[in-house]
Amino acid sequence: MSTLPVAIPAIETPWTLPSRGRVGMFYLIAAESAIFTIFVVAYLYYIGKSLSGPTPQQVLHVPIFNTICLLSSSLTIHLALIALRQRKSGAFNLFWFLTLALGAIFLAGTGREWYHLIYKEGLTISTNLFGTTYYSLVGLHAFHVTAGLVGLSVVMLLALAGRVRQEHAHQVDVLSLYWHFVDVVWVVVFTVVYIVGR
């Protein structure tokens, strides 16, 4: 005697509104991406059109160490978020501090590069088209790194005061999205300025 298969009713998961924080951050990232796109296109358009030196080939050095530091900070902020969700406050503090330190090292490296370009090579924002587009694009990214470091520092201070707990993982995740965006943008800037532009 054969038995008919019994249909199991599908369990519907209730639809919930997406997080306002994440939606807001994605809108911010989209707007900032448009701004960066304009600066990247301008940089590419003006490559080789400077009437006087110095040129990128003469003065730019590929910032490999700085790049490794910044890209590594995407891993450390991800590990910090995992630790927070697992209620490991010590690990969260450690990985968050490492993220902050790596970002600060990157920003300090950018400052050293600018010092060298301005005082040793004579390249300023008004020297030629290369100087104008270089400082505009790299400076825009440095500004975003600075803004990210301010946010990371605030969370670090709150964490040291014991005010960051598992229930705050969502807010921390929103901030981490911004930091990942800064890292992804650097990959584009690095490729355009130090590889294609040279």
N, C-alpha and C. Protein backbone atom coordinates (compact mmCIF):
# COMPACT_ATOMS: atom_id res chain seq x y z
N MET A 1 0.84 -1.18 0.00
CA MET A 1 0.00 0.00 0.00
C MET A 1 0.89 1.24 0.00
N SER A 2 0.72 2.11 -1.01
CA SER A 2 1.57 3.30 -1.13
C SER A 2 0.96 4.46 -0.36
N THR A 3 1.84 5.25 0.16
CA THR A 3 1.38 6.43 0.90
C THR A 3 1.67 7.68 0.09
N LEU A 4 0.76 8.60 0.14
CA LEU A 4 0.94 9.85 -0.57
C LEU A 4 1.87 10.77 0.22
N PRO A 5 2.74 11.49 -0.46
CA PRO A 5 3.61 12.41 0.27
C PRO A 5 2.81 13.53 0.90
N VAL A 6 3.18 13.85 2.11
CA VAL A 6 2.48 14.90 2.85
C VAL A 6 3.18 16.24 2.58
N ALA A 7 2.40 17.20 2.13
CA ALA A 7 2.97 18.52 1.86
C ALA A 7 3.24 19.25 3.16
N ILE A 8 4.45 19.71 3.32
CA ILE A 8 4.83 20.47 4.51
C ILE A 8 4.64 21.95 4.20
N PRO A 9 3.84 22.63 4.98
CA PRO A 9 3.62 24.05 4.69
C PRO A 9 4.92 24.86 4.84
N ALA A 10 5.12 25.74 3.90
CA ALA A 10 6.32 26.59 3.95
C ALA A 10 6.20 27.60 5.08
N ILE A 11 7.29 27.76 5.79
CA ILE A 11 7.30 28.71 6.89
C ILE A 11 7.79 30.05 6.35
N GLU A 12 6.93 31.03 6.45
CA GLU A 12 7.28 32.35 5.93
C GLU A 12 7.97 33.16 7.02
N THR A 13 9.11 33.70 6.65
CA THR A 13 9.81 34.57 7.60
C THR A 13 9.25 35.98 7.45
N PRO A 14 8.95 36.59 8.55
CA PRO A 14 8.36 37.94 8.47
C PRO A 14 9.35 38.93 7.87
N TRP A 15 8.82 39.82 7.02
CA TRP A 15 9.65 40.83 6.40
C TRP A 15 9.87 41.97 7.38
N THR A 16 11.09 42.40 7.49
CA THR A 16 11.38 43.51 8.38
C THR A 16 12.06 44.63 7.59
N LEU A 17 11.89 45.82 8.06
CA LEU A 17 12.54 46.96 7.42
C LEU A 17 14.05 46.84 7.54
N PRO A 18 14.79 47.21 6.51
CA PRO A 18 16.25 47.19 6.65
C PRO A 18 16.70 48.22 7.68
N SER A 19 17.85 47.97 8.24
CA SER A 19 18.38 48.86 9.26
C SER A 19 18.57 50.27 8.71
N ARG A 20 18.07 51.26 9.44
CA ARG A 20 18.23 52.65 9.02
C ARG A 20 19.70 53.05 8.97
N GLY A 21 20.48 52.54 9.93
CA GLY A 21 21.90 52.85 9.96
C GLY A 21 22.63 52.35 8.72
N ARG A 22 22.35 51.09 8.35
CA ARG A 22 23.00 50.52 7.17
C ARG A 22 22.54 51.21 5.89
N VAL A 23 21.24 51.47 5.80
CA VAL A 23 20.72 52.16 4.61
C VAL A 23 21.35 53.54 4.48
N GLY A 24 21.41 54.26 5.60
CA GLY A 24 22.02 55.58 5.59
C GLY A 24 23.48 55.53 5.19
N MET A 25 24.20 54.54 5.71
CA MET A 25 25.62 54.41 5.36
C MET A 25 25.79 54.06 3.89
N PHE A 26 24.92 53.20 3.36
CA PHE A 26 25.04 52.85 1.94
C PHE A 26 24.76 54.07 1.05
N TYR A 27 23.82 54.92 1.47
CA TYR A 27 23.55 56.15 0.72
C TYR A 27 24.77 57.08 0.78
N LEU A 28 25.37 57.18 1.96
CA LEU A 28 26.57 58.01 2.10
C LEU A 28 27.70 57.48 1.22
N ILE A 29 27.89 56.16 1.24
CA ILE A 29 28.94 55.55 0.43
C ILE A 29 28.68 55.79 -1.06
N ALA A 30 27.42 55.70 -1.48
CA ALA A 30 27.09 55.94 -2.89
C ALA A 30 27.42 57.38 -3.28
N ALA A 31 27.07 58.33 -2.41
CA ALA A 31 27.36 59.74 -2.70
C ALA A 31 28.86 60.00 -2.73
N GLU A 32 29.58 59.43 -1.77
CA GLU A 32 31.03 59.62 -1.73
C GLU A 32 31.71 58.94 -2.92
N SER A 33 31.16 57.82 -3.35
CA SER A 33 31.72 57.13 -4.51
C SER A 33 31.61 58.01 -5.76
N ALA A 34 30.48 58.72 -5.88
CA ALA A 34 30.30 59.62 -7.03
C ALA A 34 31.35 60.73 -7.00
N ILE A 35 31.61 61.27 -5.81
CA ILE A 35 32.62 62.33 -5.70
C ILE A 35 34.00 61.80 -6.07
N PHE A 36 34.35 60.62 -5.54
CA PHE A 36 35.65 60.04 -5.86
C PHE A 36 35.76 59.74 -7.36
N THR A 37 34.67 59.32 -7.97
CA THR A 37 34.69 59.03 -9.40
C THR A 37 35.06 60.28 -10.20
N ILE A 38 34.51 61.42 -9.81
CA ILE A 38 34.82 62.68 -10.49
C ILE A 38 36.31 63.00 -10.37
N PHE A 39 36.86 62.85 -9.18
CA PHE A 39 38.28 63.15 -8.96
C PHE A 39 39.18 62.17 -9.70
N VAL A 40 38.79 60.90 -9.74
CA VAL A 40 39.60 59.90 -10.45
C VAL A 40 39.59 60.18 -11.95
N VAL A 41 38.42 60.49 -12.49
CA VAL A 41 38.32 60.80 -13.92
C VAL A 41 39.15 62.03 -14.26
N ALA A 42 39.10 63.04 -13.39
CA ALA A 42 39.90 64.25 -13.62
C ALA A 42 41.39 63.92 -13.61
N TYR A 43 41.80 63.08 -12.66
CA TYR A 43 43.22 62.70 -12.58
C TYR A 43 43.65 61.99 -13.87
N LEU A 44 42.83 61.03 -14.30
CA LEU A 44 43.16 60.27 -15.51
C LEU A 44 43.17 61.18 -16.75
N TYR A 45 42.25 62.11 -16.79
CA TYR A 45 42.15 63.00 -17.95
C TYR A 45 43.39 63.89 -18.08
N TYR A 46 43.92 64.33 -16.95
CA TYR A 46 45.04 65.28 -16.99
C TYR A 46 46.42 64.62 -16.93
N ILE A 47 46.47 63.28 -16.94
CA ILE A 47 47.77 62.61 -16.95
C ILE A 47 48.57 63.04 -18.18
N GLY A 48 49.79 63.48 -17.96
CA GLY A 48 50.68 63.85 -19.05
C GLY A 48 50.41 65.20 -19.68
N LYS A 49 49.49 65.97 -19.11
CA LYS A 49 49.14 67.26 -19.72
C LYS A 49 49.78 68.44 -19.01
N SER A 50 50.61 68.18 -18.01
CA SER A 50 51.31 69.26 -17.34
C SER A 50 52.36 69.86 -18.27
N LEU A 51 52.42 71.18 -18.31
CA LEU A 51 53.38 71.86 -19.18
C LEU A 51 54.77 71.95 -18.55
N SER A 52 54.85 71.71 -17.24
CA SER A 52 56.14 71.76 -16.54
C SER A 52 56.21 70.63 -15.53
N GLY A 53 57.43 70.36 -15.07
CA GLY A 53 57.63 69.29 -14.09
C GLY A 53 57.40 69.77 -12.68
N PRO A 54 57.56 68.89 -11.71
CA PRO A 54 57.95 67.48 -11.89
C PRO A 54 56.78 66.61 -12.36
N THR A 55 57.12 65.45 -12.89
CA THR A 55 56.12 64.50 -13.37
C THR A 55 55.98 63.37 -12.36
N PRO A 56 54.90 62.59 -12.46
CA PRO A 56 54.73 61.46 -11.53
C PRO A 56 55.91 60.49 -11.53
N GLN A 57 56.47 60.22 -12.72
CA GLN A 57 57.59 59.29 -12.82
C GLN A 57 58.80 59.80 -12.05
N GLN A 58 58.95 61.11 -11.97
CA GLN A 58 60.13 61.69 -11.32
C GLN A 58 60.03 61.71 -9.80
N VAL A 59 58.83 61.83 -9.25
CA VAL A 59 58.73 62.10 -7.81
C VAL A 59 57.92 61.08 -7.01
N LEU A 60 57.07 60.30 -7.65
CA LEU A 60 56.22 59.37 -6.88
C LEU A 60 56.93 58.06 -6.61
N HIS A 61 56.80 57.59 -5.38
CA HIS A 61 57.29 56.28 -4.98
C HIS A 61 56.09 55.47 -4.50
N VAL A 62 56.03 54.22 -4.90
CA VAL A 62 54.87 53.38 -4.58
C VAL A 62 54.82 53.11 -3.08
N PRO A 63 53.74 53.53 -2.39
CA PRO A 63 53.65 53.36 -0.92
C PRO A 63 53.15 51.97 -0.53
N ILE A 64 54.00 50.98 -0.71
CA ILE A 64 53.59 49.60 -0.46
C ILE A 64 53.30 49.36 1.03
N PHE A 65 54.19 49.82 1.91
CA PHE A 65 53.99 49.60 3.35
C PHE A 65 52.69 50.26 3.83
N ASN A 66 52.46 51.50 3.42
CA ASN A 66 51.23 52.19 3.82
C ASN A 66 50.00 51.44 3.34
N THR A 67 50.07 50.94 2.12
CA THR A 67 48.94 50.21 1.54
C THR A 67 48.66 48.93 2.31
N ILE A 68 49.72 48.20 2.66
CA ILE A 68 49.55 46.97 3.44
C ILE A 68 48.89 47.29 4.79
N CYS A 69 49.31 48.37 5.43
CA CYS A 69 48.74 48.77 6.72
C CYS A 69 47.25 49.05 6.58
N LEU A 70 46.88 49.84 5.59
CA LEU A 70 45.47 50.22 5.45
C LEU A 70 44.61 49.02 5.10
N LEU A 71 45.06 48.20 4.17
CA LEU A 71 44.26 47.04 3.79
C LEU A 71 44.17 46.03 4.93
N SER A 72 45.23 45.91 5.73
CA SER A 72 45.18 45.01 6.89
C SER A 72 44.16 45.47 7.91
N SER A 73 43.91 46.78 7.96
CA SER A 73 42.94 47.30 8.93
C SER A 73 41.52 46.85 8.63
N SER A 74 41.24 46.47 7.38
CA SER A 74 39.92 45.91 7.06
C SER A 74 39.74 44.56 7.74
N LEU A 75 40.82 43.79 7.80
CA LEU A 75 40.76 42.49 8.49
C LEU A 75 40.60 42.69 9.99
N THR A 76 41.36 43.61 10.58
CA THR A 76 41.30 43.78 12.03
C THR A 76 39.95 44.32 12.47
N ILE A 77 39.32 45.20 11.68
CA ILE A 77 38.01 45.72 12.09
C ILE A 77 36.96 44.63 11.96
N HIS A 78 37.13 43.74 10.98
CA HIS A 78 36.21 42.61 10.84
C HIS A 78 36.34 41.66 12.03
N LEU A 79 37.58 41.39 12.43
CA LEU A 79 37.80 40.51 13.60
C LEU A 79 37.28 41.17 14.88
N ALA A 80 37.39 42.49 14.96
CA ALA A 80 36.86 43.20 16.14
C ALA A 80 35.35 43.03 16.22
N LEU A 81 34.67 43.13 15.10
CA LEU A 81 33.21 42.98 15.09
C LEU A 81 32.80 41.57 15.48
N ILE A 82 33.53 40.58 14.98
CA ILE A 82 33.25 39.19 15.37
C ILE A 82 33.41 39.02 16.87
N ALA A 83 34.49 39.57 17.42
CA ALA A 83 34.74 39.46 18.86
C ALA A 83 33.63 40.13 19.66
N LEU A 84 33.15 41.27 19.20
CA LEU A 84 32.07 41.96 19.92
C LEU A 84 30.80 41.14 19.92
N ARG A 85 30.48 40.53 18.80
CA ARG A 85 29.27 39.70 18.71
C ARG A 85 29.37 38.47 19.60
N GLN A 86 30.60 38.04 19.88
CA GLN A 86 30.82 36.88 20.76
C GLN A 86 31.07 37.28 22.21
N ARG A 87 30.84 38.56 22.52
CA ARG A 87 31.01 39.10 23.88
C ARG A 87 32.45 39.01 24.38
N LYS A 88 33.42 39.05 23.49
CA LYS A 88 34.83 39.02 23.87
C LYS A 88 35.36 40.45 23.86
N SER A 89 35.13 41.15 24.94
CA SER A 89 35.47 42.57 24.97
C SER A 89 36.98 42.81 24.86
N GLY A 90 37.77 41.95 25.46
CA GLY A 90 39.23 42.11 25.39
C GLY A 90 39.73 41.99 23.96
N ALA A 91 39.24 40.97 23.25
CA ALA A 91 39.65 40.79 21.85
C ALA A 91 39.13 41.94 21.00
N PHE A 92 37.91 42.39 21.30
CA PHE A 92 37.38 43.54 20.55
C PHE A 92 38.27 44.76 20.72
N ASN A 93 38.64 45.05 21.95
CA ASN A 93 39.50 46.22 22.22
C ASN A 93 40.83 46.11 21.48
N LEU A 94 41.41 44.90 21.49
CA LEU A 94 42.70 44.69 20.84
C LEU A 94 42.59 44.93 19.33
N PHE A 95 41.62 44.27 18.69
CA PHE A 95 41.50 44.39 17.24
C PHE A 95 41.07 45.80 16.83
N TRP A 96 40.26 46.43 17.67
CA TRP A 96 39.85 47.80 17.35
C TRP A 96 41.04 48.76 17.44
N PHE A 97 41.85 48.55 18.47
CA PHE A 97 43.05 49.38 18.62
C PHE A 97 44.00 49.16 17.44
N LEU A 98 44.16 47.91 17.00
CA LEU A 98 45.02 47.63 15.86
C LEU A 98 44.51 48.33 14.60
N THR A 99 43.18 48.34 14.42
CA THR A 99 42.59 49.04 13.28
C THR A 99 42.93 50.52 13.34
N LEU A 100 42.77 51.09 14.52
CA LEU A 100 43.06 52.51 14.72
C LEU A 100 44.54 52.80 14.46
N ALA A 101 45.41 51.93 14.97
CA ALA A 101 46.85 52.13 14.80
C ALA A 101 47.27 52.00 13.33
N LEU A 102 46.72 51.02 12.63
CA LEU A 102 47.07 50.83 11.22
C LEU A 102 46.60 52.01 10.38
N GLY A 103 45.40 52.52 10.68
CA GLY A 103 44.91 53.70 9.97
C GLY A 103 45.77 54.91 10.24
N ALA A 104 46.21 55.07 11.49
CA ALA A 104 47.06 56.20 11.85
C ALA A 104 48.42 56.10 11.17
N ILE A 105 48.96 54.89 11.08
CA ILE A 105 50.25 54.70 10.38
C ILE A 105 50.11 55.08 8.91
N PHE A 106 49.00 54.67 8.30
CA PHE A 106 48.76 55.03 6.90
C PHE A 106 48.71 56.55 6.73
N LEU A 107 47.97 57.22 7.61
CA LEU A 107 47.82 58.67 7.49
C LEU A 107 49.17 59.37 7.72
N ALA A 108 49.94 58.87 8.68
CA ALA A 108 51.27 59.44 8.92
C ALA A 108 52.17 59.23 7.70
N GLY A 109 52.04 58.08 7.05
CA GLY A 109 52.81 57.82 5.84
C GLY A 109 52.44 58.78 4.71
N THR A 110 51.16 59.09 4.60
CA THR A 110 50.72 60.06 3.60
C THR A 110 51.32 61.43 3.91
N GLY A 111 51.35 61.79 5.19
CA GLY A 111 51.95 63.06 5.60
C GLY A 111 53.43 63.12 5.25
N ARG A 112 54.15 62.02 5.50
CA ARG A 112 55.58 61.97 5.16
C ARG A 112 55.79 62.09 3.66
N GLU A 113 54.94 61.43 2.90
CA GLU A 113 55.04 61.52 1.44
C GLU A 113 54.82 62.95 0.96
N TRP A 114 53.83 63.62 1.51
CA TRP A 114 53.56 65.00 1.13
C TRP A 114 54.71 65.92 1.52
N TYR A 115 55.27 65.71 2.70
CA TYR A 115 56.41 66.52 3.13
C TYR A 115 57.55 66.38 2.13
N HIS A 116 57.84 65.15 1.73
CA HIS A 116 58.91 64.90 0.77
C HIS A 116 58.61 65.58 -0.56
N LEU A 117 57.37 65.45 -1.04
CA LEU A 117 57.01 66.02 -2.33
C LEU A 117 57.07 67.55 -2.31
N ILE A 118 56.64 68.14 -1.20
CA ILE A 118 56.59 69.61 -1.13
C ILE A 118 57.97 70.21 -0.91
N TYR A 119 58.70 69.68 0.08
CA TYR A 119 59.95 70.32 0.48
C TYR A 119 61.19 69.77 -0.22
N LYS A 120 61.11 68.54 -0.72
CA LYS A 120 62.28 67.98 -1.42
C LYS A 120 62.13 68.04 -2.93
N GLU A 121 60.91 67.83 -3.41
CA GLU A 121 60.69 67.77 -4.85
C GLU A 121 60.06 69.04 -5.41
N GLY A 122 59.55 69.91 -4.54
CA GLY A 122 58.96 71.16 -5.00
C GLY A 122 57.60 71.01 -5.65
N LEU A 123 56.90 69.92 -5.35
CA LEU A 123 55.57 69.71 -5.93
C LEU A 123 54.50 70.18 -4.95
N THR A 124 53.78 71.23 -5.31
CA THR A 124 52.66 71.70 -4.50
C THR A 124 51.39 71.60 -5.33
N ILE A 125 50.29 71.97 -4.74
CA ILE A 125 49.01 71.88 -5.44
C ILE A 125 48.93 72.87 -6.60
N SER A 126 49.79 73.90 -6.56
CA SER A 126 49.76 74.91 -7.63
C SER A 126 50.94 74.81 -8.59
N THR A 127 51.77 73.78 -8.45
CA THR A 127 52.95 73.65 -9.31
C THR A 127 52.56 73.39 -10.76
N ASN A 128 51.71 72.41 -10.97
CA ASN A 128 51.25 72.04 -12.31
C ASN A 128 49.95 71.23 -12.19
N LEU A 129 49.45 70.75 -13.33
CA LEU A 129 48.20 69.98 -13.31
C LEU A 129 48.35 68.69 -12.52
N PHE A 130 49.51 68.07 -12.62
CA PHE A 130 49.76 66.86 -11.84
C PHE A 130 49.64 67.15 -10.35
N GLY A 131 50.29 68.21 -9.87
CA GLY A 131 50.21 68.56 -8.46
C GLY A 131 48.78 68.84 -8.03
N THR A 132 48.03 69.55 -8.85
CA THR A 132 46.64 69.88 -8.51
C THR A 132 45.78 68.64 -8.39
N THR A 133 45.87 67.76 -9.38
CA THR A 133 45.01 66.57 -9.36
C THR A 133 45.49 65.55 -8.32
N TYR A 134 46.82 65.45 -8.15
CA TYR A 134 47.36 64.51 -7.17
C TYR A 134 46.92 64.87 -5.76
N TYR A 135 47.16 66.11 -5.35
CA TYR A 135 46.80 66.50 -3.98
C TYR A 135 45.30 66.51 -3.77
N SER A 136 44.54 66.79 -4.83
CA SER A 136 43.08 66.78 -4.70
C SER A 136 42.57 65.37 -4.45
N LEU A 137 43.05 64.41 -5.25
CA LEU A 137 42.56 63.04 -5.13
C LEU A 137 43.08 62.35 -3.87
N VAL A 138 44.39 62.40 -3.67
CA VAL A 138 44.96 61.74 -2.48
C VAL A 138 44.52 62.48 -1.21
N GLY A 139 44.38 63.80 -1.29
CA GLY A 139 43.92 64.57 -0.14
C GLY A 139 42.48 64.25 0.21
N LEU A 140 41.65 64.04 -0.80
CA LEU A 140 40.25 63.66 -0.53
C LEU A 140 40.20 62.33 0.22
N HIS A 141 41.04 61.40 -0.22
CA HIS A 141 41.07 60.11 0.49
C HIS A 141 41.61 60.27 1.91
N ALA A 142 42.67 61.07 2.07
CA ALA A 142 43.23 61.29 3.41
C ALA A 142 42.20 61.92 4.34
N PHE A 143 41.37 62.82 3.81
CA PHE A 143 40.31 63.42 4.61
C PHE A 143 39.34 62.35 5.10
N HIS A 144 38.98 61.41 4.23
CA HIS A 144 38.06 60.35 4.62
C HIS A 144 38.69 59.41 5.64
N VAL A 145 39.99 59.16 5.49
CA VAL A 145 40.69 58.34 6.50
C VAL A 145 40.66 59.06 7.85
N THR A 146 40.90 60.37 7.83
CA THR A 146 40.87 61.15 9.07
C THR A 146 39.50 61.08 9.74
N ALA A 147 38.44 61.23 8.94
CA ALA A 147 37.08 61.14 9.48
C ALA A 147 36.84 59.76 10.07
N GLY A 148 37.33 58.73 9.39
CA GLY A 148 37.18 57.37 9.91
C GLY A 148 37.93 57.17 11.21
N LEU A 149 39.13 57.75 11.30
CA LEU A 149 39.92 57.62 12.53
C LEU A 149 39.25 58.33 13.70
N VAL A 150 38.58 59.43 13.43
CA VAL A 150 37.83 60.11 14.50
C VAL A 150 36.74 59.19 15.03
N GLY A 151 35.99 58.57 14.11
CA GLY A 151 34.94 57.63 14.53
C GLY A 151 35.51 56.44 15.29
N LEU A 152 36.61 55.88 14.80
CA LEU A 152 37.25 54.75 15.48
C LEU A 152 37.73 55.15 16.87
N SER A 153 38.25 56.37 17.00
CA SER A 153 38.75 56.84 18.29
C SER A 153 37.63 56.99 19.31
N VAL A 154 36.49 57.49 18.85
CA VAL A 154 35.34 57.64 19.75
C VAL A 154 34.91 56.27 20.28
N VAL A 155 34.80 55.30 19.38
CA VAL A 155 34.42 53.94 19.80
C VAL A 155 35.47 53.36 20.73
N MET A 156 36.75 53.62 20.46
CA MET A 156 37.82 53.10 21.31
C MET A 156 37.70 53.65 22.73
N LEU A 157 37.43 54.94 22.84
CA LEU A 157 37.28 55.56 24.16
C LEU A 157 36.07 54.98 24.89
N LEU A 158 34.97 54.78 24.18
CA LEU A 158 33.78 54.19 24.79
C LEU A 158 34.05 52.75 25.21
N ALA A 159 34.81 52.02 24.39
CA ALA A 159 35.13 50.63 24.72
C ALA A 159 36.00 50.56 25.97
N LEU A 160 36.98 51.45 26.07
CA LEU A 160 37.84 51.46 27.25
C LEU A 160 37.07 51.83 28.51
N ALA A 161 35.98 52.58 28.34
CA ALA A 161 35.13 52.93 29.48
C ALA A 161 34.08 51.86 29.76
N GLY A 162 34.13 50.76 28.99
CA GLY A 162 33.18 49.66 29.20
C GLY A 162 31.79 49.94 28.68
N ARG A 163 31.68 50.85 27.72
CA ARG A 163 30.37 51.26 27.21
C ARG A 163 30.01 50.60 25.88
N VAL A 164 30.89 49.75 25.35
CA VAL A 164 30.59 49.06 24.10
C VAL A 164 30.39 47.58 24.40
N ARG A 165 29.16 47.13 24.14
CA ARG A 165 28.81 45.74 24.45
C ARG A 165 28.19 45.07 23.22
N GLN A 166 27.83 43.81 23.38
CA GLN A 166 27.31 43.03 22.25
C GLN A 166 26.11 43.70 21.59
N GLU A 167 25.25 44.33 22.39
CA GLU A 167 24.06 44.96 21.81
C GLU A 167 24.38 46.18 20.94
N HIS A 168 25.63 46.62 20.97
CA HIS A 168 26.05 47.74 20.13
C HIS A 168 26.73 47.27 18.84
N ALA A 169 26.70 45.97 18.60
CA ALA A 169 27.39 45.42 17.42
C ALA A 169 26.85 46.02 16.12
N HIS A 170 25.55 46.31 16.10
CA HIS A 170 24.97 46.87 14.87
C HIS A 170 25.58 48.24 14.55
N GLN A 171 25.68 49.10 15.56
CA GLN A 171 26.26 50.43 15.33
C GLN A 171 27.73 50.33 14.92
N VAL A 172 28.45 49.41 15.55
CA VAL A 172 29.85 49.20 15.20
C VAL A 172 29.97 48.69 13.77
N ASP A 173 29.04 47.83 13.37
CA ASP A 173 29.03 47.30 12.01
C ASP A 173 28.84 48.42 10.98
N VAL A 174 27.97 49.36 11.29
CA VAL A 174 27.74 50.49 10.37
C VAL A 174 29.02 51.29 10.18
N LEU A 175 29.74 51.56 11.26
CA LEU A 175 31.01 52.28 11.16
C LEU A 175 32.04 51.47 10.37
N SER A 176 32.03 50.15 10.57
CA SER A 176 32.99 49.31 9.84
C SER A 176 32.74 49.34 8.34
N LEU A 177 31.47 49.51 7.93
CA LEU A 177 31.16 49.63 6.50
C LEU A 177 31.88 50.84 5.90
N TYR A 178 31.87 51.94 6.65
CA TYR A 178 32.56 53.15 6.18
C TYR A 178 34.06 52.88 6.04
N TRP A 179 34.63 52.19 7.02
CA TRP A 179 36.07 51.93 6.99
C TRP A 179 36.43 51.01 5.82
N HIS A 180 35.59 50.01 5.55
CA HIS A 180 35.84 49.14 4.40
C HIS A 180 35.77 49.96 3.11
N PHE A 181 34.85 50.90 3.06
CA PHE A 181 34.73 51.77 1.88
C PHE A 181 36.02 52.57 1.67
N VAL A 182 36.56 53.12 2.75
CA VAL A 182 37.82 53.87 2.66
C VAL A 182 38.94 52.99 2.12
N ASP A 183 38.97 51.75 2.53
CA ASP A 183 40.01 50.82 2.06
C ASP A 183 39.83 50.49 0.58
N VAL A 184 38.59 50.25 0.18
CA VAL A 184 38.33 49.92 -1.23
C VAL A 184 38.68 51.11 -2.12
N VAL A 185 38.34 52.30 -1.67
CA VAL A 185 38.67 53.51 -2.45
C VAL A 185 40.18 53.63 -2.60
N TRP A 186 40.93 53.28 -1.55
CA TRP A 186 42.39 53.38 -1.66
C TRP A 186 42.93 52.45 -2.73
N VAL A 187 42.33 51.28 -2.90
CA VAL A 187 42.77 50.37 -3.96
C VAL A 187 42.64 51.06 -5.31
N VAL A 188 41.53 51.78 -5.51
CA VAL A 188 41.31 52.51 -6.76
C VAL A 188 42.33 53.64 -6.90
N VAL A 189 42.48 54.44 -5.83
CA VAL A 189 43.41 55.58 -5.87
C VAL A 189 44.84 55.08 -6.10
N PHE A 190 45.23 54.04 -5.40
CA PHE A 190 46.57 53.47 -5.55
C PHE A 190 46.82 53.03 -6.99
N THR A 191 45.83 52.34 -7.56
CA THR A 191 45.97 51.85 -8.93
C THR A 191 46.09 53.01 -9.93
N VAL A 192 45.24 54.02 -9.75
CA VAL A 192 45.22 55.15 -10.68
C VAL A 192 46.48 56.01 -10.56
N VAL A 193 46.86 56.33 -9.33
CA VAL A 193 47.96 57.28 -9.11
C VAL A 193 49.33 56.63 -9.25
N TYR A 194 49.50 55.47 -8.64
CA TYR A 194 50.85 54.90 -8.54
C TYR A 194 51.16 53.82 -9.57
N ILE A 195 50.13 53.36 -10.29
CA ILE A 195 50.39 52.34 -11.32
C ILE A 195 50.06 52.89 -12.71
N VAL A 196 48.79 53.25 -12.93
CA VAL A 196 48.39 53.76 -14.25
C VAL A 196 49.03 55.11 -14.52
N GLY A 197 49.03 56.00 -13.51
CA GLY A 197 49.50 57.36 -13.70
C GLY A 197 51.00 57.52 -13.83
N ARG A 198 51.75 56.48 -13.55
CA ARG A 198 53.21 56.58 -13.66
C ARG A 198 53.69 56.00 -14.98
